[in-house]
Amino acid sequence: MKNILRNYVLISFLLGSFIYFASQLNLQLPRFIRFYANDFLIVPIVLYSALWILKRTKNNPNYKISIPLIIYICFLYSILFEFIFPNYLARYTKDYTDILLYFAGGLVFYQLQKLVK
């Protein structure tokens, strides 16, 4: 159980990287995977990276990221990637499903973080 969060994030990173490089190589993946999987995967990856840094800087191996902070990060991702960036960068599009996926990823992170003792 101790490594479940780390393993989840590692698999998420590898899967997200595969999806990204597949799109760069014009490999056809199902639409849902191409457009939504990485939105679900990114928040746990970012939060785990932050958790790793916070555990070391606070010298507390049992440190946990609080639910308000997780919600805040999901909210920031939603604002940036769904409302601000689409106005200035053609790569980003406004899609409300992405917002749900950011928060679902945050919820998965929170649940897995609770399992780590």
Protein backbone atom coordinates (compact mmCIF):
# COMPACT_ATOMS: atom_id res chain seq x y z
CA MET A 1 0.00 0.00 0.00
CA LYS A 2 2.86 2.37 0.74
CA ASN A 3 3.83 2.76 -2.90
CA ILE A 4 0.33 2.84 -4.41
CA LEU A 5 0.34 6.62 -4.95
CA ARG A 6 3.85 6.61 -6.41
CA ASN A 7 3.00 3.70 -8.70
CA TYR A 8 -0.25 5.34 -9.82
CA VAL A 9 1.59 8.56 -10.68
CA LEU A 10 4.38 6.71 -12.47
CA ILE A 11 1.88 4.78 -14.60
CA SER A 12 -0.06 8.02 -15.21
CA PHE A 13 3.12 9.75 -16.34
CA LEU A 14 4.05 6.91 -18.69
CA LEU A 15 0.52 6.67 -20.08
CA GLY A 16 0.27 10.44 -20.53
CA SER A 17 3.65 10.51 -22.27
CA PHE A 18 2.57 7.71 -24.60
CA ILE A 19 -0.64 9.59 -25.49
CA TYR A 20 1.30 12.80 -26.13
CA PHE A 21 3.94 11.15 -28.33
CA ALA A 22 1.30 9.12 -30.17
CA SER A 23 -0.44 12.37 -31.12
CA GLN A 24 2.89 13.85 -32.25
CA LEU A 25 3.43 10.79 -34.47
CA ASN A 26 -0.16 11.00 -35.79
CA LEU A 27 -1.08 7.61 -34.36
CA GLN A 28 -4.84 7.31 -34.19
CA LEU A 29 -6.08 6.75 -30.65
CA PRO A 30 -9.76 6.81 -29.67
CA ARG A 31 -11.10 10.37 -29.40
CA PHE A 32 -11.82 10.10 -25.69
CA ILE A 33 -8.23 9.08 -24.98
CA ARG A 34 -6.74 11.72 -27.28
CA PHE A 35 -8.78 14.59 -25.88
CA TYR A 36 -9.48 13.70 -22.26
CA ALA A 37 -7.09 11.15 -20.72
CA ASN A 38 -4.25 13.59 -20.06
CA ASP A 39 -6.64 16.05 -18.42
CA PHE A 40 -7.52 13.34 -15.91
CA LEU A 41 -3.89 12.31 -15.40
CA ILE A 42 -2.18 15.70 -15.00
CA VAL A 43 -3.49 16.85 -11.61
CA PRO A 44 -2.30 13.76 -9.68
CA ILE A 45 1.12 14.04 -11.37
CA VAL A 46 1.45 17.72 -10.38
CA LEU A 47 0.16 17.13 -6.86
CA TYR A 48 2.48 14.16 -6.32
CA SER A 49 5.45 16.27 -7.47
CA ALA A 50 4.41 19.00 -5.05
CA LEU A 51 3.93 16.45 -2.27
CA TRP A 52 7.39 15.00 -2.86
CA ILE A 53 8.96 18.46 -2.62
CA LEU A 54 6.92 19.45 0.44
CA LYS A 55 7.83 16.25 2.30
CA ARG A 56 11.50 17.02 1.82
CA THR A 57 11.43 20.75 2.47
CA LYS A 58 9.29 20.35 5.58
CA ASN A 59 11.36 17.32 6.65
CA ASN A 60 8.10 15.46 7.30
CA PRO A 61 7.71 12.10 5.53
CA ASN A 62 4.06 11.91 6.66
CA TYR A 63 3.04 15.26 5.18
CA LYS A 64 -0.26 15.22 3.25
CA ILE A 65 -1.74 17.78 0.88
CA SER A 66 -5.02 19.06 2.29
CA ILE A 67 -8.33 18.82 0.41
CA PRO A 68 -8.67 22.65 0.19
CA LEU A 69 -5.26 22.84 -1.50
CA ILE A 70 -6.19 20.01 -3.89
CA ILE A 71 -9.41 21.84 -4.80
CA TYR A 72 -7.45 25.07 -5.25
CA ILE A 73 -5.01 23.39 -7.67
CA CYS A 74 -7.91 21.87 -9.64
CA PHE A 75 -9.58 25.27 -9.75
CA LEU A 76 -6.37 26.94 -11.00
CA TYR A 77 -5.95 24.32 -13.73
CA SER A 78 -9.57 24.89 -14.76
CA ILE A 79 -9.19 28.66 -14.95
CA LEU A 80 -5.86 28.60 -16.75
CA PHE A 81 -6.43 25.81 -19.26
CA GLU A 82 -10.13 26.30 -19.95
CA PHE A 83 -10.66 30.06 -19.72
CA ILE A 84 -7.37 31.96 -20.06
CA PHE A 85 -5.11 29.94 -22.37
CA PRO A 86 -7.79 29.29 -25.05
CA ASN A 87 -8.06 33.07 -25.56
CA TYR A 88 -4.36 33.40 -26.38
CA LEU A 89 -3.05 30.02 -27.56
CA ALA A 90 -4.59 28.02 -30.41
CA ARG A 91 -3.40 24.74 -28.86
CA TYR A 92 -5.95 25.04 -26.05
CA THR A 93 -9.72 24.83 -26.39
CA LYS A 94 -12.46 25.61 -23.91
CA ASP A 95 -14.04 22.31 -22.87
CA TYR A 96 -16.09 21.98 -19.71
CA THR A 97 -15.55 18.21 -19.59
CA ASP A 98 -11.87 18.93 -18.89
CA ILE A 99 -12.86 20.77 -15.71
CA LEU A 100 -14.65 17.67 -14.43
CA LEU A 101 -11.60 15.58 -15.28
CA TYR A 102 -9.23 17.90 -13.39
CA PHE A 103 -11.39 17.57 -10.28
CA ALA A 104 -11.78 13.79 -10.78
CA GLY A 105 -7.99 13.50 -10.94
CA GLY A 106 -7.72 15.56 -7.76
CA LEU A 107 -10.23 13.26 -6.06
CA VAL A 108 -8.25 10.17 -7.11
CA PHE A 109 -5.08 11.77 -5.73
CA TYR A 110 -6.80 12.58 -2.44
CA GLN A 111 -8.15 9.04 -2.06
CA LEU A 112 -4.81 7.42 -2.89
CA GLN A 113 -2.96 9.82 -0.58
CA LYS A 114 -5.22 8.70 2.29
CA LEU A 115 -4.14 5.08 1.69
CA VAL A 116 -0.47 5.90 2.15
CA LYS A 117 0.53 5.44 5.77
